[in-house]
Amino acid sequence: MMTDTQQFNQITLLIPNLSPHYRLKLLEFIVKTLEPTYPPEPEAEKISGVSFLLSIAGQGKSGKHDVDEL
């Protein structure tokens, strides 16, 4: 029986011999396999790009409605 290290070494030697098509398939498989290990981001913490930029800039917190004339 092969150890994990021996299996890893064998796989890494075979990857360069794969066609680009099968390398892509292997990469897709690895990505799909790893996805479940990352917990999904809670909905409450998701912020749109615009909301995030406004929050870090502090815009919209002054209470003034027309800030473009300042």
C-alpha atoms as a PDB file:
ATOM      1  CA  MET A   1       0.000   0.000   0.000  1.00  0.00           C
ATOM      2  CA  MET A   2       1.276   3.466  -0.935  1.00  0.00           C
ATOM      3  CA  THR A   3       1.571   6.258   1.594  1.00  0.00           C
ATOM      4  CA  ASP A   4      -0.139   9.592   1.025  1.00  0.00           C
ATOM      5  CA  THR A   5       3.208  11.161   0.192  1.00  0.00           C
ATOM      6  CA  GLN A   6       3.961   8.500  -2.398  1.00  0.00           C
ATOM      7  CA  GLN A   7       0.528   8.956  -3.966  1.00  0.00           C
ATOM      8  CA  PHE A   8       0.983  12.740  -4.032  1.00  0.00           C
ATOM      9  CA  ASN A   9       4.385  12.371  -5.693  1.00  0.00           C
ATOM     10  CA  GLN A  10       2.965   9.994  -8.293  1.00  0.00           C
ATOM     11  CA  ILE A  11       0.095  12.360  -9.096  1.00  0.00           C
ATOM     12  CA  THR A  12       2.353  15.399  -9.402  1.00  0.00           C
ATOM     13  CA  LEU A  13       4.540  13.483 -11.858  1.00  0.00           C
ATOM     14  CA  LEU A  14       1.519  12.572 -13.996  1.00  0.00           C
ATOM     15  CA  ILE A  15      -0.129  16.022 -14.164  1.00  0.00           C
ATOM     16  CA  PRO A  16       2.339  17.536 -16.672  1.00  0.00           C
ATOM     17  CA  ASN A  17       1.538  14.647 -19.062  1.00  0.00           C
ATOM     18  CA  LEU A  18      -2.184  15.469 -19.103  1.00  0.00           C
ATOM     19  CA  SER A  19      -3.686  17.366 -22.003  1.00  0.00           C
ATOM     20  CA  PRO A  20      -4.874  20.927 -21.238  1.00  0.00           C
ATOM     21  CA  HIS A  21      -8.466  19.670 -21.397  1.00  0.00           C
ATOM     22  CA  TYR A  22      -7.899  17.107 -18.638  1.00  0.00           C
ATOM     23  CA  ARG A  23      -5.840  19.547 -16.559  1.00  0.00           C
ATOM     24  CA  LEU A  24      -8.837  21.884 -16.610  1.00  0.00           C
ATOM     25  CA  LYS A  25     -11.157  19.017 -15.647  1.00  0.00           C
ATOM     26  CA  LEU A  26      -8.827  18.130 -12.761  1.00  0.00           C
ATOM     27  CA  LEU A  27      -8.771  21.744 -11.589  1.00  0.00           C
ATOM     28  CA  GLU A  28     -12.581  21.941 -11.731  1.00  0.00           C
ATOM     29  CA  PHE A  29     -12.811  18.734  -9.698  1.00  0.00           C
ATOM     30  CA  ILE A  30     -10.417  20.078  -7.058  1.00  0.00           C
ATOM     31  CA  VAL A  31     -12.326  23.367  -6.782  1.00  0.00           C
ATOM     32  CA  LYS A  32     -15.668  21.549  -6.425  1.00  0.00           C
ATOM     33  CA  THR A  33     -14.158  19.254  -3.814  1.00  0.00           C
ATOM     34  CA  LEU A  34     -12.825  22.138  -1.735  1.00  0.00           C
ATOM     35  CA  GLU A  35     -15.920  24.371  -1.904  1.00  0.00           C
ATOM     36  CA  PRO A  36     -17.848  22.661   0.919  1.00  0.00           C
ATOM     37  CA  THR A  37     -14.934  23.143   3.320  1.00  0.00           C
ATOM     38  CA  TYR A  38     -15.557  26.900   3.361  1.00  0.00           C
ATOM     39  CA  PRO A  39     -18.646  27.890   5.357  1.00  0.00           C
ATOM     40  CA  PRO A  40     -21.068  30.094   3.421  1.00  0.00           C
ATOM     41  CA  GLU A  41     -20.972  33.763   4.277  1.00  0.00           C
ATOM     42  CA  PRO A  42     -23.949  34.778   6.443  1.00  0.00           C
ATOM     43  CA  GLU A  43     -26.491  36.910   4.565  1.00  0.00           C
ATOM     44  CA  ALA A  44     -26.233  39.676   7.168  1.00  0.00           C
ATOM     45  CA  GLU A  45     -22.529  40.145   6.426  1.00  0.00           C
ATOM     46  CA  LYS A  46     -22.904  40.370   2.650  1.00  0.00           C
ATOM     47  CA  ILE A  47     -22.593  43.972   1.494  1.00  0.00           C
ATOM     48  CA  SER A  48     -22.834  45.183  -2.069  1.00  0.00           C
ATOM     49  CA  GLY A  49     -19.756  46.819  -3.549  1.00  0.00           C
ATOM     50  CA  VAL A  50     -21.334  50.286  -3.486  1.00  0.00           C
ATOM     51  CA  SER A  51     -22.581  49.892   0.103  1.00  0.00           C
ATOM     52  CA  PHE A  52     -19.142  48.709   1.175  1.00  0.00           C
ATOM     53  CA  LEU A  53     -17.375  51.663  -0.443  1.00  0.00           C
ATOM     54  CA  LEU A  54     -19.856  54.112   1.070  1.00  0.00           C
ATOM     55  CA  SER A  55     -19.470  52.535   4.501  1.00  0.00           C
ATOM     56  CA  ILE A  56     -15.681  52.801   4.497  1.00  0.00           C
ATOM     57  CA  ALA A  57     -15.824  56.359   3.177  1.00  0.00           C
ATOM     58  CA  GLY A  58     -18.369  57.347   5.819  1.00  0.00           C
ATOM     59  CA  GLN A  59     -20.695  58.808   3.197  1.00  0.00           C
ATOM     60  CA  GLY A  60     -24.355  58.982   4.041  1.00  0.00           C
ATOM     61  CA  LYS A  61     -23.689  59.364   7.765  1.00  0.00           C
ATOM     62  CA  SER A  62     -23.680  63.173   7.920  1.00  0.00           C
ATOM     63  CA  GLY A  63     -27.467  63.578   7.833  1.00  0.00           C
ATOM     64  CA  LYS A  64     -27.175  66.044   4.915  1.00  0.00           C
ATOM     65  CA  HIS A  65     -29.174  65.092   1.856  1.00  0.00           C
ATOM     66  CA  ASP A  66     -27.303  66.996  -0.890  1.00  0.00           C
ATOM     67  CA  VAL A  67     -23.606  66.493  -0.240  1.00  0.00           C
ATOM     68  CA  ASP A  68     -22.438  67.066  -3.816  1.00  0.00           C
ATOM     69  CA  GLU A  69     -22.338  70.855  -3.276  1.00  0.00           C
ATOM     70  CA  LEU A  70     -19.971  70.664  -0.291  1.00  0.00           C
END
